[in-house]
Amino acid sequence: MQNDGTIWDKVRQGDEAAFRQLFEQQWEALFTYAYKILKDQAQVQDIIQGLFIHLWEKRATLPRVTAVMPYLRHALRNRLLNAIRDQHVYQRHVTIFRQAVMESDNSLIEGLHLKETEQQLLRSINTLPEKMKDVFYLHRIENLSVAEIAARTGSSEQTIRNQLNTALHRLRVIGGWK
């Protein structure tokens, strides 16, 4: 059995078998750590998967590491903090939107219609896969550009465009919007 530093060096050199081995060795411990913080199995799985995708995509520029688990745990902790921050920002925007709806009291019927539309939109957004929902939120709510989202998520700009287009298509189908 190879030590973590050797496996890490092989991953940095593009060895797919070493990458799979690293993933299999570290997955459970990383999942346990992250689940204690987020308490959301699907979100934790997405975040860890995103971490490993990022590692593979950036393998040539990864630093030399002898203690792999502390490095991975630190990288995961940063992603968890980002997820928590993003969730708080999302909830804050929902609250602001609700307040705006309530303040625009042109008529009771209009207010009810807006609230119903908001709820339908939020339900529709929540049916999107986690990563697609995050990309949609960052673009439409936080007004980040495709390039900014790609940099933040470690994905290509084309992947972000594809996710946005797919999200809009799904929302139109689900919500019956044109």
Protein backbone atom coordinates (compact mmCIF):
# COMPACT_ATOMS: atom_id res chain seq x y z
CA MET A 1 0.00 0.00 0.00
CA GLN A 2 1.32 3.42 -0.96
CA ASN A 3 1.48 6.32 1.46
CA ASP A 4 -0.67 9.40 0.92
CA GLY A 5 2.24 11.55 -0.26
CA THR A 6 3.10 9.05 -3.00
CA ILE A 7 -0.52 8.81 -4.12
CA TRP A 8 -0.79 12.61 -4.09
CA ASP A 9 2.32 12.94 -6.27
CA LYS A 10 0.88 10.44 -8.74
CA VAL A 11 -2.39 12.38 -8.85
CA ARG A 12 -0.41 15.54 -9.57
CA GLN A 13 1.19 13.69 -12.50
CA GLY A 14 -2.23 12.70 -13.90
CA ASP A 15 -2.44 9.07 -12.71
CA GLU A 16 -6.16 8.24 -12.81
CA ALA A 17 -5.77 5.05 -10.77
CA ALA A 18 -4.04 7.01 -8.01
CA PHE A 19 -6.83 9.60 -8.15
CA ARG A 20 -9.48 6.88 -7.72
CA GLN A 21 -7.45 5.41 -4.85
CA LEU A 22 -7.19 8.82 -3.17
CA PHE A 23 -10.94 9.34 -3.58
CA GLU A 24 -11.78 5.91 -2.17
CA GLN A 25 -9.40 6.32 0.78
CA GLN A 26 -10.55 9.80 1.77
CA TRP A 27 -14.25 9.92 0.80
CA GLU A 28 -15.75 8.49 3.98
CA ALA A 29 -13.69 10.60 6.39
CA LEU A 30 -14.41 13.78 4.39
CA PHE A 31 -18.12 12.93 4.22
CA THR A 32 -18.30 12.34 7.99
CA TYR A 33 -16.51 15.64 8.66
CA ALA A 34 -18.74 17.65 6.30
CA TYR A 35 -21.99 15.98 7.37
CA LYS A 36 -21.37 17.01 10.99
CA ILE A 37 -21.33 20.60 9.77
CA LEU A 38 -24.08 20.75 7.12
CA LYS A 39 -26.40 17.87 8.10
CA ASP A 40 -27.47 17.57 4.44
CA GLN A 41 -26.33 14.36 2.76
CA ALA A 42 -26.98 15.46 -0.83
CA GLN A 43 -25.29 18.82 -0.38
CA VAL A 44 -22.28 17.22 1.31
CA GLN A 45 -21.95 14.69 -1.51
CA ASP A 46 -22.11 17.49 -4.09
CA ILE A 47 -19.49 19.55 -2.28
CA ILE A 48 -17.07 16.64 -1.90
CA GLN A 49 -17.59 15.63 -5.52
CA GLY A 50 -16.91 19.23 -6.53
CA LEU A 51 -13.74 19.22 -4.45
CA PHE A 52 -12.41 16.10 -6.15
CA ILE A 53 -13.38 17.38 -9.60
CA HIS A 54 -11.49 20.58 -8.82
CA LEU A 55 -8.47 18.58 -7.63
CA TRP A 56 -8.41 16.57 -10.84
CA GLU A 57 -8.82 19.63 -13.05
CA LYS A 58 -6.05 21.49 -11.19
CA ARG A 59 -3.81 18.45 -10.62
CA ALA A 60 -0.87 19.94 -12.52
CA THR A 61 -0.82 23.02 -10.29
CA LEU A 62 -1.51 21.34 -6.95
CA PRO A 63 1.13 21.94 -4.28
CA ARG A 64 3.37 19.15 -3.05
CA VAL A 65 1.71 17.72 0.06
CA THR A 66 2.89 15.04 2.47
CA ALA A 67 -0.10 15.21 4.86
CA VAL A 68 -2.96 14.78 2.40
CA MET A 69 -5.92 14.53 4.80
CA PRO A 70 -5.25 17.89 6.50
CA TYR A 71 -4.90 19.50 3.07
CA LEU A 72 -8.18 17.95 1.85
CA ARG A 73 -9.97 18.80 5.10
CA HIS A 74 -8.85 22.44 4.81
CA ALA A 75 -10.01 22.63 1.17
CA LEU A 76 -13.32 21.02 2.14
CA ARG A 77 -13.75 23.39 5.08
CA ASN A 78 -13.41 26.35 2.69
CA ARG A 79 -16.06 24.87 0.40
CA LEU A 80 -18.37 24.25 3.37
CA LEU A 81 -17.96 27.84 4.52
CA ASN A 82 -18.79 29.05 1.00
CA ALA A 83 -21.90 26.84 0.94
CA ILE A 84 -23.05 28.16 4.32
CA ARG A 85 -22.41 31.75 3.22
CA ASP A 86 -24.25 31.23 -0.06
CA GLN A 87 -27.24 29.72 1.77
CA HIS A 88 -27.38 32.71 4.12
CA VAL A 89 -27.18 35.15 1.20
CA TYR A 90 -29.90 33.22 -0.64
CA GLN A 91 -32.18 33.30 2.41
CA ARG A 92 -31.52 37.03 2.85
CA HIS A 93 -32.55 37.68 -0.76
CA VAL A 94 -35.72 35.63 -0.32
CA THR A 95 -36.56 37.69 2.78
CA ILE A 96 -35.92 40.96 0.95
CA PHE A 97 -38.06 39.78 -1.97
CA ARG A 98 -40.89 38.86 0.40
CA GLN A 99 -40.68 42.28 2.07
CA ALA A 100 -40.77 44.00 -1.30
CA VAL A 101 -43.85 42.02 -2.27
CA MET A 102 -45.58 42.96 0.95
CA GLU A 103 -44.64 46.64 0.61
CA SER A 104 -45.95 46.88 -2.93
CA ASP A 105 -49.48 46.69 -1.62
CA ASN A 106 -51.20 47.98 -4.76
CA SER A 107 -54.00 45.57 -4.17
CA LEU A 108 -54.62 42.47 -2.14
CA ILE A 109 -55.09 40.37 -5.28
CA GLU A 110 -51.82 41.59 -6.82
CA GLY A 111 -49.98 40.86 -3.56
CA LEU A 112 -51.43 37.37 -3.37
CA HIS A 113 -50.57 36.72 -7.01
CA LEU A 114 -46.98 37.87 -6.50
CA LYS A 115 -46.61 35.72 -3.39
CA GLU A 116 -48.03 32.72 -5.23
CA THR A 117 -45.70 33.34 -8.19
CA GLU A 118 -42.74 33.72 -5.81
CA GLN A 119 -43.59 30.45 -4.08
CA GLN A 120 -44.02 28.68 -7.41
CA LEU A 121 -40.68 30.06 -8.63
CA LEU A 122 -38.90 29.03 -5.40
CA ARG A 123 -40.43 25.54 -5.60
CA SER A 124 -39.34 25.28 -9.21
CA ILE A 125 -35.81 26.46 -8.42
CA ASN A 126 -35.59 23.94 -5.59
CA THR A 127 -36.31 21.09 -8.02
CA LEU A 128 -33.11 21.88 -9.92
CA PRO A 129 -30.01 19.79 -9.21
CA GLU A 130 -27.87 21.39 -6.49
CA LYS A 131 -25.06 22.67 -8.71
CA MET A 132 -27.48 24.00 -11.33
CA LYS A 133 -29.49 25.73 -8.60
CA ASP A 134 -26.31 27.35 -7.24
CA VAL A 135 -25.25 28.55 -10.69
CA PHE A 136 -28.74 29.94 -11.40
CA TYR A 137 -28.81 31.68 -8.03
CA LEU A 138 -25.34 33.22 -8.46
CA HIS A 139 -26.23 34.50 -11.93
CA ARG A 140 -29.82 35.67 -11.41
CA ILE A 141 -29.86 36.73 -7.77
CA GLU A 142 -26.27 37.80 -7.07
CA ASN A 143 -25.81 39.08 -10.65
CA LEU A 144 -22.44 37.39 -11.13
CA SER A 145 -21.15 37.01 -14.66
CA VAL A 146 -20.57 33.63 -16.25
CA ALA A 147 -16.81 34.17 -15.90
CA GLU A 148 -17.14 35.03 -12.20
CA ILE A 149 -19.28 31.95 -11.55
CA ALA A 150 -16.84 29.74 -13.46
CA ALA A 151 -13.95 31.09 -11.38
CA ARG A 152 -15.85 30.61 -8.12
CA THR A 153 -16.99 27.06 -8.89
CA GLY A 154 -13.92 25.86 -10.74
CA SER A 155 -16.02 25.00 -13.81
CA SER A 156 -15.57 26.11 -17.40
CA GLU A 157 -17.55 29.07 -18.69
CA GLN A 158 -19.26 26.80 -21.22
CA THR A 159 -20.37 24.48 -18.42
CA ILE A 160 -21.85 27.47 -16.58
CA ARG A 161 -23.66 28.64 -19.74
CA ASN A 162 -25.02 25.14 -20.29
CA GLN A 163 -26.24 24.94 -16.68
CA LEU A 164 -27.95 28.34 -16.95
CA ASN A 165 -29.65 27.45 -20.22
CA THR A 166 -30.80 24.10 -18.88
CA ALA A 167 -32.04 25.72 -15.65
CA LEU A 168 -34.04 28.33 -17.58
CA HIS A 169 -35.51 25.67 -19.82
CA ARG A 170 -36.50 23.49 -16.84
CA LEU A 171 -38.00 26.43 -14.97
CA ARG A 172 -40.06 27.40 -17.99
CA VAL A 173 -41.35 23.85 -18.37
CA ILE A 174 -42.02 23.35 -14.64
CA GLY A 175 -43.57 26.76 -14.08
CA GLY A 176 -45.41 27.00 -17.37
CA TRP A 177 -43.65 30.29 -18.17
CA LYS A 178 -42.79 31.27 -21.70
